[in-house]
N, C-alpha and C. Protein backbone atom coordinates (compact mmCIF):
# COMPACT_ATOMS: atom_id res chain seq x y z
N MET A 1 -44.30 -34.54 -10.35
CA MET A 1 -43.87 -34.12 -11.57
C MET A 1 -44.21 -32.66 -11.50
N LYS A 2 -45.25 -32.47 -11.45
CA LYS A 2 -46.01 -30.97 -11.87
C LYS A 2 -45.66 -30.08 -10.70
N LYS A 3 -45.22 -30.61 -9.37
CA LYS A 3 -45.27 -29.78 -8.08
C LYS A 3 -43.83 -28.86 -8.24
N TYR A 4 -42.55 -29.39 -9.06
CA TYR A 4 -41.11 -29.01 -9.56
C TYR A 4 -41.30 -28.37 -11.04
N PHE A 5 -42.14 -28.44 -11.78
CA PHE A 5 -42.55 -27.18 -13.24
C PHE A 5 -41.79 -25.81 -12.45
N PRO A 6 -42.60 -25.27 -11.75
CA PRO A 6 -42.66 -24.47 -10.98
C PRO A 6 -41.60 -23.60 -11.45
N PHE A 7 -40.31 -24.51 -10.50
CA PHE A 7 -38.89 -24.70 -9.13
C PHE A 7 -38.14 -24.73 -11.26
N ALA A 8 -38.35 -25.47 -11.87
CA ALA A 8 -37.78 -25.58 -13.27
C ALA A 8 -38.08 -23.96 -14.15
N LEU A 9 -38.75 -23.46 -14.21
CA LEU A 9 -39.51 -22.54 -14.90
C LEU A 9 -38.65 -20.97 -14.13
N VAL A 10 -38.19 -21.53 -13.22
CA VAL A 10 -37.84 -20.07 -11.89
C VAL A 10 -36.68 -19.76 -12.19
N ALA A 11 -35.84 -21.50 -12.62
CA ALA A 11 -34.33 -21.58 -12.75
C ALA A 11 -33.66 -20.94 -14.32
N VAL A 12 -35.22 -21.38 -14.40
CA VAL A 12 -34.48 -21.00 -16.65
C VAL A 12 -34.81 -19.65 -16.56
N PHE A 13 -35.47 -19.11 -15.77
CA PHE A 13 -36.09 -17.59 -16.02
C PHE A 13 -34.91 -16.98 -15.70
N ALA A 14 -34.05 -17.18 -14.53
CA ALA A 14 -32.61 -16.72 -13.46
C ALA A 14 -31.49 -16.82 -14.69
N ALA A 15 -31.72 -18.09 -15.07
CA ALA A 15 -30.36 -18.10 -16.03
C ALA A 15 -30.49 -17.32 -17.49
N LEU A 16 -31.62 -16.97 -17.42
CA LEU A 16 -31.35 -15.90 -18.74
C LEU A 16 -31.42 -14.52 -18.55
N ILE A 17 -31.95 -13.97 -17.08
CA ILE A 17 -31.64 -13.18 -17.10
C ILE A 17 -30.27 -12.83 -16.42
N SER A 18 -29.64 -13.34 -16.16
CA SER A 18 -28.03 -13.49 -15.81
C SER A 18 -27.01 -13.76 -16.84
N CYS A 19 -27.83 -14.19 -18.18
CA CYS A 19 -26.46 -14.31 -18.83
C CYS A 19 -26.91 -12.50 -20.19
N THR A 20 -27.55 -12.07 -19.20
CA THR A 20 -28.30 -11.06 -20.32
C THR A 20 -27.55 -9.71 -20.10
N GLU A 21 -27.35 -10.02 -18.59
CA GLU A 21 -26.61 -8.25 -17.51
C GLU A 21 -25.12 -8.64 -18.49
N ASN A 22 -24.83 -7.41 -18.13
CA ASN A 22 -23.41 -7.53 -18.58
C ASN A 22 -22.69 -7.16 -16.99
N GLU A 23 -21.74 -7.94 -16.81
CA GLU A 23 -20.85 -7.75 -15.40
C GLU A 23 -19.98 -5.95 -15.63
N ALA A 24 -19.07 -5.84 -16.77
CA ALA A 24 -18.70 -4.52 -16.82
C ALA A 24 -19.34 -4.14 -17.97
N PRO A 25 -19.25 -2.69 -18.02
CA PRO A 25 -19.44 -2.43 -19.68
C PRO A 25 -18.43 -2.21 -19.92
N ILE A 26 -18.80 -1.98 -21.25
CA ILE A 26 -18.34 -2.35 -22.46
C ILE A 26 -17.33 -0.84 -23.07
N SER A 27 -16.17 -0.76 -23.54
CA SER A 27 -15.70 0.96 -22.84
C SER A 27 -16.47 1.51 -24.43
N PRO A 28 -16.79 2.17 -24.51
CA PRO A 28 -16.88 3.26 -25.37
C PRO A 28 -16.15 3.35 -27.01
N ILE A 29 -14.59 2.83 -26.62
CA ILE A 29 -13.43 3.26 -27.46
C ILE A 29 -13.01 2.18 -28.43
N ILE A 30 -13.49 0.79 -27.42
CA ILE A 30 -13.29 -0.05 -28.16
C ILE A 30 -13.85 -0.34 -29.53
N GLY A 31 -12.97 -0.40 -30.51
CA GLY A 31 -13.72 -0.71 -32.19
C GLY A 31 -11.82 -0.03 -32.72
N THR A 32 -12.68 0.40 -34.46
CA THR A 32 -11.19 1.23 -34.87
C THR A 32 -12.22 2.53 -35.45
N TRP A 33 -10.83 3.47 -35.50
CA TRP A 33 -11.14 4.29 -35.24
C TRP A 33 -10.61 5.18 -36.67
N GLU A 34 -10.57 5.93 -37.43
CA GLU A 34 -9.55 6.41 -38.24
C GLU A 34 -9.79 8.18 -38.49
N SER A 35 -8.55 8.83 -38.76
CA SER A 35 -8.15 10.71 -38.95
C SER A 35 -7.93 10.26 -39.96
N ARG A 36 -8.96 10.97 -40.78
CA ARG A 36 -8.33 11.00 -42.56
C ARG A 36 -8.12 12.92 -43.08
N VAL A 37 -7.00 13.33 -43.32
CA VAL A 37 -6.56 14.04 -43.26
C VAL A 37 -6.44 14.41 -44.56
N PHE A 38 -6.59 15.55 -45.76
CA PHE A 38 -6.21 15.06 -46.66
C PHE A 38 -5.30 16.59 -47.20
N VAL A 39 -4.30 16.30 -48.05
CA VAL A 39 -3.08 17.05 -48.36
C VAL A 39 -3.42 17.40 -49.69
N ASP A 40 -3.81 18.95 -49.93
CA ASP A 40 -4.23 19.17 -51.18
C ASP A 40 -2.70 19.28 -52.50
N SER A 41 -1.96 19.41 -51.90
CA SER A 41 -0.95 19.58 -52.87
C SER A 41 -0.34 18.35 -53.28
N LEU A 42 -0.40 17.41 -52.38
CA LEU A 42 -0.60 16.18 -52.81
C LEU A 42 -1.53 15.12 -53.43
N ASP A 43 -2.75 15.99 -53.14
CA ASP A 43 -4.14 14.99 -54.05
C ASP A 43 -3.72 13.71 -53.08
N LEU A 44 -3.12 13.65 -51.94
CA LEU A 44 -3.31 12.35 -51.00
C LEU A 44 -4.40 12.67 -49.76
N TRP A 45 -4.71 11.90 -49.38
CA TRP A 45 -5.17 11.21 -47.98
C TRP A 45 -4.70 10.74 -47.00
N PHE A 46 -3.67 11.14 -46.24
CA PHE A 46 -3.46 10.31 -45.27
C PHE A 46 -3.60 10.05 -43.48
N VAL A 47 -3.85 9.00 -43.45
CA VAL A 47 -5.28 8.50 -42.39
C VAL A 47 -4.26 8.16 -41.24
N GLU A 48 -4.71 7.81 -40.29
CA GLU A 48 -3.93 7.56 -38.91
C GLU A 48 -5.10 7.00 -38.10
N THR A 49 -5.10 5.32 -38.27
CA THR A 49 -5.89 4.12 -37.72
C THR A 49 -5.51 3.94 -36.60
N LEU A 50 -6.43 3.74 -35.29
CA LEU A 50 -6.14 3.32 -33.98
C LEU A 50 -7.38 2.26 -33.60
N GLU A 51 -6.85 1.09 -33.64
CA GLU A 51 -7.67 0.43 -33.14
C GLU A 51 -7.54 -0.51 -32.09
N PHE A 52 -8.32 -0.01 -31.37
CA PHE A 52 -8.53 -0.66 -29.48
C PHE A 52 -8.82 -1.79 -29.66
N LYS A 53 -8.12 -2.85 -29.46
CA LYS A 53 -8.45 -4.20 -28.70
C LYS A 53 -8.56 -4.77 -27.52
N ASN A 54 -8.45 -3.94 -26.49
CA ASN A 54 -9.24 -4.07 -24.64
C ASN A 54 -8.56 -2.62 -24.24
N ASP A 55 -9.56 -2.83 -22.99
CA ASP A 55 -9.22 -1.83 -22.41
C ASP A 55 -7.52 -0.96 -21.79
N SER A 56 -6.43 -1.77 -22.78
CA SER A 56 -5.32 -0.87 -22.25
C SER A 56 -4.36 -1.10 -23.50
N ILE A 57 -4.96 -1.42 -25.16
CA ILE A 57 -3.93 -2.04 -25.92
C ILE A 57 -4.48 -1.28 -26.95
N PHE A 58 -3.77 -0.65 -27.87
CA PHE A 58 -4.16 -0.35 -29.72
C PHE A 58 -3.18 -0.28 -30.14
N ASP A 59 -3.46 -0.66 -31.97
CA ASP A 59 -3.07 -0.63 -32.53
C ASP A 59 -2.68 0.89 -33.77
N LEU A 60 -1.88 1.33 -33.42
CA LEU A 60 -1.85 2.30 -34.61
C LEU A 60 -1.11 2.39 -35.88
N THR A 61 -2.07 2.25 -37.00
CA THR A 61 -1.54 2.45 -38.42
C THR A 61 -1.49 3.86 -39.16
N ILE A 62 -0.76 4.25 -39.45
CA ILE A 62 -0.41 5.07 -40.23
C ILE A 62 -0.46 5.06 -41.84
N THR A 63 -1.60 4.96 -43.01
CA THR A 63 -1.05 4.92 -44.34
C THR A 63 -1.43 5.74 -45.24
N VAL A 64 -1.58 5.80 -46.12
CA VAL A 64 -2.30 6.54 -47.36
C VAL A 64 -2.79 6.45 -48.13
N ARG A 65 -3.81 6.99 -49.22
CA ARG A 65 -4.93 6.67 -49.50
C ARG A 65 -4.99 7.90 -50.92
N GLU A 66 -5.31 7.23 -52.39
CA GLU A 66 -5.94 8.05 -52.45
C GLU A 66 -7.23 8.53 -53.21
N LEU A 67 -8.50 8.01 -52.29
CA LEU A 67 -9.86 7.87 -51.77
C LEU A 67 -9.78 8.48 -49.71
N GLU A 68 -10.46 9.50 -49.66
CA GLU A 68 -10.79 9.05 -48.18
C GLU A 68 -11.12 7.49 -47.93
N THR A 69 -11.62 7.25 -48.23
CA THR A 69 -12.51 5.84 -47.72
C THR A 69 -11.89 3.90 -48.80
N GLY A 70 -10.52 5.15 -50.06
CA GLY A 70 -10.58 3.78 -50.29
C GLY A 70 -9.04 3.03 -50.26
N PRO A 71 -8.66 1.83 -50.68
CA PRO A 71 -8.00 1.40 -50.27
C PRO A 71 -6.75 1.87 -49.70
N ASP A 72 -5.80 1.39 -48.60
CA ASP A 72 -4.37 1.79 -48.79
C ASP A 72 -3.18 2.13 -50.06
N LEU A 73 -2.87 2.97 -50.00
CA LEU A 73 -1.80 2.88 -51.27
C LEU A 73 -0.22 1.87 -50.88
N GLY A 74 -0.25 2.59 -49.37
CA GLY A 74 1.40 2.01 -48.81
C GLY A 74 1.07 2.52 -47.22
N PHE A 75 2.21 2.12 -46.93
CA PHE A 75 1.77 2.55 -45.24
C PHE A 75 3.09 3.63 -44.80
N ARG A 76 3.33 4.33 -43.88
CA ARG A 76 4.39 5.17 -43.39
C ARG A 76 4.38 4.42 -41.50
N LEU A 77 3.85 4.17 -40.97
CA LEU A 77 4.16 3.68 -39.41
C LEU A 77 2.92 2.38 -38.86
N VAL A 78 3.63 1.58 -38.38
CA VAL A 78 2.87 0.67 -37.82
C VAL A 78 3.09 0.24 -36.06
N THR A 79 2.97 0.59 -35.14
CA THR A 79 2.88 0.21 -33.68
C THR A 79 2.09 -0.43 -32.97
N THR A 80 1.79 -1.36 -32.04
CA THR A 80 1.25 -1.22 -31.15
C THR A 80 1.86 -0.78 -29.69
N SER A 81 0.72 -0.01 -29.06
CA SER A 81 0.64 0.74 -28.38
C SER A 81 0.10 0.52 -27.04
N TRP A 82 0.08 0.88 -25.15
CA TRP A 82 -0.45 1.14 -25.17
C TRP A 82 -1.47 2.43 -24.36
N TYR A 83 -2.57 2.26 -24.04
CA TYR A 83 -3.25 3.40 -23.62
C TYR A 83 -4.17 3.43 -22.09
N ASN A 84 -4.87 4.31 -21.68
CA ASN A 84 -5.41 5.01 -20.01
C ASN A 84 -6.19 5.57 -20.58
N LEU A 85 -7.63 5.13 -20.65
CA LEU A 85 -8.93 6.43 -20.52
C LEU A 85 -9.20 6.45 -19.42
N GLU A 86 -9.36 6.97 -18.70
CA GLU A 86 -10.23 7.77 -17.20
C GLU A 86 -11.01 8.78 -17.26
N GLY A 87 -12.02 8.50 -17.25
CA GLY A 87 -13.07 9.54 -17.46
C GLY A 87 -12.74 10.17 -18.97
N ASP A 88 -12.95 11.04 -19.28
CA ASP A 88 -12.07 11.80 -20.61
C ASP A 88 -10.85 12.26 -20.79
N THR A 89 -10.13 11.88 -19.78
CA THR A 89 -8.28 11.70 -19.71
C THR A 89 -7.68 10.45 -20.65
N PHE A 90 -7.54 11.24 -21.27
CA PHE A 90 -6.54 10.16 -22.84
C PHE A 90 -5.26 9.92 -22.45
N LYS A 91 -4.81 9.08 -22.40
CA LYS A 91 -2.73 9.08 -22.55
C LYS A 91 -2.67 7.95 -23.35
N TYR A 92 -1.24 7.77 -23.80
CA TYR A 92 -0.45 6.55 -24.96
C TYR A 92 1.00 6.47 -24.47
N TYR A 93 1.30 5.62 -24.84
CA TYR A 93 2.96 5.00 -25.36
C TYR A 93 3.07 3.85 -26.19
N TYR A 94 4.27 4.37 -27.20
CA TYR A 94 4.57 3.38 -27.42
C TYR A 94 5.61 4.03 -27.83
N SER A 95 7.01 2.92 -28.32
CA SER A 95 8.40 2.99 -28.69
C SER A 95 8.55 2.59 -29.55
N ASP A 96 8.63 0.98 -29.52
CA ASP A 96 8.76 0.43 -31.27
C ASP A 96 7.97 0.36 -32.13
N VAL A 97 8.69 0.90 -33.34
CA VAL A 97 7.49 1.13 -33.96
C VAL A 97 8.40 0.20 -35.62
N LEU A 98 7.16 -0.12 -36.64
CA LEU A 98 7.95 -0.07 -37.94
C LEU A 98 7.44 1.10 -38.74
N MET A 99 8.78 1.63 -39.47
CA MET A 99 8.57 2.92 -40.17
C MET A 99 9.03 3.21 -41.00
N TYR A 100 8.66 4.25 -42.31
CA TYR A 100 9.03 4.87 -43.26
C TYR A 100 9.70 5.68 -42.99
N PHE A 101 10.85 6.03 -43.16
CA PHE A 101 11.99 7.06 -42.70
C PHE A 101 11.60 8.23 -44.10
N GLY A 102 11.83 8.03 -45.10
CA GLY A 102 11.80 8.35 -46.25
C GLY A 102 12.90 9.68 -46.34
N LEU A 103 14.53 9.79 -46.44
CA LEU A 103 15.03 10.77 -45.63
C LEU A 103 15.37 11.61 -47.50
N HIS A 104 15.46 11.41 -48.66
CA HIS A 104 15.83 12.12 -49.10
C HIS A 104 14.52 12.78 -50.30
N GLU A 105 14.69 13.42 -50.54
CA GLU A 105 13.65 14.31 -51.75
C GLU A 105 12.72 13.66 -52.70
N GLU A 106 13.55 13.11 -53.47
CA GLU A 106 12.92 12.20 -54.15
C GLU A 106 11.71 10.95 -53.46
N ALA A 107 11.82 11.04 -52.17
CA ALA A 107 10.97 9.75 -51.83
C ALA A 107 10.40 9.56 -51.75
N PRO A 108 9.49 8.17 -52.14
CA PRO A 108 8.07 7.68 -51.86
C PRO A 108 7.50 8.84 -50.84
N LEU A 109 6.29 8.71 -50.90
CA LEU A 109 5.59 9.26 -49.55
C LEU A 109 4.83 8.16 -48.28
N TYR A 110 5.24 6.75 -49.15
CA TYR A 110 4.88 5.79 -48.66
C TYR A 110 5.23 4.14 -49.29
N VAL A 111 5.36 3.11 -48.87
CA VAL A 111 5.86 1.91 -48.78
C VAL A 111 5.09 0.97 -48.55
N PRO A 112 5.33 -0.55 -49.30
CA PRO A 112 4.69 -1.17 -48.96
C PRO A 112 4.49 -1.77 -47.13
N LYS A 113 3.91 -2.41 -46.53
CA LYS A 113 4.27 -2.65 -45.04
C LYS A 113 5.28 -3.40 -44.68
N SER A 114 6.16 -4.45 -45.90
CA SER A 114 6.98 -5.22 -45.53
C SER A 114 8.50 -4.30 -45.76
N GLU A 115 8.41 -3.37 -46.43
CA GLU A 115 9.34 -2.24 -46.35
C GLU A 115 9.78 -1.03 -45.22
N LEU A 116 8.30 -1.43 -44.39
CA LEU A 116 8.95 -0.15 -43.13
C LEU A 116 9.96 -1.21 -42.52
N ASN A 117 10.56 -0.13 -41.67
CA ASN A 117 11.69 -0.17 -40.85
C ASN A 117 11.51 -0.32 -39.29
N ALA A 118 12.52 -1.01 -38.86
CA ALA A 118 11.88 -0.65 -37.33
C ALA A 118 12.94 0.00 -36.68
N GLY A 119 11.94 0.79 -35.38
CA GLY A 119 13.11 1.89 -35.15
C GLY A 119 12.48 2.27 -33.59
N ILE A 120 12.91 3.37 -33.20
CA ILE A 120 12.11 3.78 -31.52
C ILE A 120 12.39 5.30 -31.88
N VAL A 121 10.55 5.21 -31.24
CA VAL A 121 10.13 6.73 -30.79
C VAL A 121 10.21 6.91 -29.20
N ASP A 122 11.47 7.76 -28.79
CA ASP A 122 11.35 7.78 -27.61
C ASP A 122 10.91 9.16 -26.85
N PHE A 123 9.13 8.96 -26.82
CA PHE A 123 9.15 10.10 -25.78
C PHE A 123 9.63 10.77 -25.15
N PHE A 124 9.28 11.54 -24.44
CA PHE A 124 10.04 12.16 -23.14
C PHE A 124 8.87 12.61 -21.92
N ARG A 125 8.34 12.20 -22.53
CA ARG A 125 6.98 12.38 -22.07
C ARG A 125 5.55 11.83 -22.90
N ILE A 126 5.08 11.29 -21.97
CA ILE A 126 3.78 10.85 -22.22
C ILE A 126 2.61 11.21 -22.75
N PRO A 127 2.19 10.96 -24.05
CA PRO A 127 1.20 12.18 -24.64
C PRO A 127 -0.14 11.95 -23.57
N GLU A 128 -0.74 12.92 -23.42
CA GLU A 128 -2.15 12.31 -22.34
C GLU A 128 -2.63 13.83 -22.96
N GLY A 129 -4.47 13.80 -22.77
CA GLY A 129 -4.68 15.06 -23.59
C GLY A 129 -6.21 15.01 -22.92
N ILE A 130 -7.08 15.24 -23.25
CA ILE A 130 -8.89 15.09 -23.06
C ILE A 130 -9.13 14.31 -24.48
N LEU A 131 -10.05 13.54 -24.30
CA LEU A 131 -10.91 13.20 -25.59
C LEU A 131 -12.64 13.29 -25.01
N THR A 132 -12.58 13.83 -26.12
CA THR A 132 -14.30 14.35 -26.27
C THR A 132 -15.11 13.51 -27.22
N PHE A 133 -16.55 12.73 -26.90
CA PHE A 133 -16.57 12.03 -27.93
C PHE A 133 -18.63 12.48 -28.35
N SER A 134 -18.81 12.18 -29.62
CA SER A 134 -20.15 13.00 -29.95
C SER A 134 -21.19 12.43 -29.65
N SER A 135 -21.74 12.98 -29.55
CA SER A 135 -23.66 12.64 -28.57
C SER A 135 -23.64 10.91 -29.15
N ASP A 136 -23.66 10.63 -30.36
CA ASP A 136 -23.59 9.75 -30.91
C ASP A 136 -22.59 8.59 -30.68
N ARG A 137 -21.39 8.79 -30.23
CA ARG A 137 -20.30 7.97 -29.96
C ARG A 137 -19.53 7.51 -31.18
N ARG A 138 -20.08 7.94 -32.37
CA ARG A 138 -19.35 7.69 -33.56
C ARG A 138 -18.45 8.36 -33.85
N ARG A 139 -17.99 9.87 -33.31
CA ARG A 139 -17.25 10.20 -33.37
C ARG A 139 -16.50 10.61 -31.75
N PHE A 140 -14.79 11.22 -32.34
CA PHE A 140 -14.26 11.43 -31.07
C PHE A 140 -12.90 12.85 -31.24
N GLN A 141 -13.00 13.48 -30.26
CA GLN A 141 -12.00 14.67 -30.42
C GLN A 141 -10.89 14.47 -29.87
N PHE A 142 -9.49 14.71 -30.19
CA PHE A 142 -8.50 14.03 -29.07
C PHE A 142 -7.17 15.40 -28.94
N GLN A 143 -7.23 16.11 -27.84
CA GLN A 143 -6.41 17.22 -27.57
C GLN A 143 -6.09 17.41 -26.77
N GLU A 144 -4.81 17.10 -27.31
CA GLU A 144 -3.60 16.84 -26.92
C GLU A 144 -2.99 18.28 -25.52
N ASN A 145 -2.24 17.92 -24.61
CA ASN A 145 -2.67 18.97 -23.50
C ASN A 145 -1.00 19.13 -24.12
N CYS A 146 -0.77 21.18 -23.93
CA CYS A 146 0.38 21.86 -24.55
C CYS A 146 1.37 21.25 -23.94
N LEU A 147 2.35 21.51 -24.69
CA LEU A 147 4.33 21.23 -24.67
C LEU A 147 4.24 22.40 -24.02
N THR A 148 5.18 22.72 -22.80
CA THR A 148 5.85 23.07 -21.95
C THR A 148 7.40 22.58 -21.94
N ILE A 149 8.01 23.49 -22.84
CA ILE A 149 9.47 23.18 -22.90
C ILE A 149 10.34 24.05 -21.99
N ASN A 150 9.55 25.43 -21.50
CA ASN A 150 10.72 26.33 -21.50
C ASN A 150 9.51 27.00 -20.13
N PRO A 151 9.15 27.17 -18.86
CA PRO A 151 8.36 28.13 -17.96
C PRO A 151 8.51 29.52 -18.69
N SER A 152 9.21 29.92 -19.34
CA SER A 152 9.52 31.87 -19.73
C SER A 152 8.40 31.70 -20.81
N ILE A 153 7.99 30.56 -22.08
CA ILE A 153 7.90 30.33 -23.08
C ILE A 153 5.83 29.60 -22.85
N ALA A 154 5.41 30.63 -24.15
CA ALA A 154 3.96 29.73 -24.08
C ALA A 154 4.48 28.26 -24.31
N CYS A 155 3.43 27.80 -23.91
CA CYS A 155 3.53 26.61 -24.63
C CYS A 155 3.25 26.06 -25.90
N PHE A 156 3.29 25.04 -25.97
CA PHE A 156 3.07 24.71 -27.43
C PHE A 156 1.57 23.62 -27.62
N GLU A 157 0.97 24.57 -28.47
CA GLU A 157 -0.67 23.53 -28.42
C GLU A 157 -0.76 22.96 -29.74
N PHE A 158 -0.98 21.40 -29.64
CA PHE A 158 -0.91 20.87 -30.74
C PHE A 158 -2.46 21.12 -31.28
N PRO A 159 -2.72 20.38 -32.29
CA PRO A 159 -4.11 20.62 -32.87
C PRO A 159 -4.89 19.56 -32.57
N ILE A 160 -6.07 19.72 -33.05
CA ILE A 160 -7.57 18.57 -32.31
C ILE A 160 -7.47 17.82 -33.29
N LYS A 161 -7.12 16.46 -32.77
CA LYS A 161 -7.69 15.48 -33.74
C LYS A 161 -9.05 14.51 -34.06
N GLU A 162 -9.56 14.35 -35.04
CA GLU A 162 -10.43 13.87 -34.68
C GLU A 162 -10.67 12.29 -35.17
N TYR A 163 -11.24 11.61 -34.99
CA TYR A 163 -11.50 10.40 -35.83
C TYR A 163 -12.78 9.94 -35.69
N ILE A 164 -12.89 9.15 -36.40
CA ILE A 164 -14.43 8.35 -36.92
C ILE A 164 -14.51 6.60 -36.89
N ARG A 165 -15.88 6.46 -36.22
CA ARG A 165 -15.47 5.02 -36.11
C ARG A 165 -15.73 4.70 -37.40
N VAL A 166 -15.19 3.08 -37.64
CA VAL A 166 -15.17 2.63 -38.50
C VAL A 166 -15.96 1.14 -38.54
N ASN A 167 -15.32 0.71 -37.24
CA ASN A 167 -15.55 -0.81 -36.99
C ASN A 167 -16.06 -0.47 -35.20
């Protein structure tokens, strides 16, 4: 029995080592991220939440808050999207959404999730740009590539969006 004990220890040790090794690296983007923009004239925060589920799917939700990290007052858009992150190039696409249209001047800025309406966002291109992480990986910036509609006119520059990891 004693002569089998060292083999048993080696087998247990090998099993422990193989359990602690990751087969594939975990994507740095998986988790929940928020971009929060305060609008002075409305005294409200507009929050875009990206919840990356895996290496190809994320949920996009746009809500409104009174406080930057307070509870959501209501919704403006909810959708599930696909994405691709290769190196620092990020591209995404969604078409079917639940959204709030609020078409008249007196319309509220947000509604309960149950009052969102089905809609289709028909991108004529796949949004793509550079995603840059902070050194601690708690923030990232997304700079979408500029949009060129007419080659004789300068392209339209999109603003940089900054996201903070919340989960």
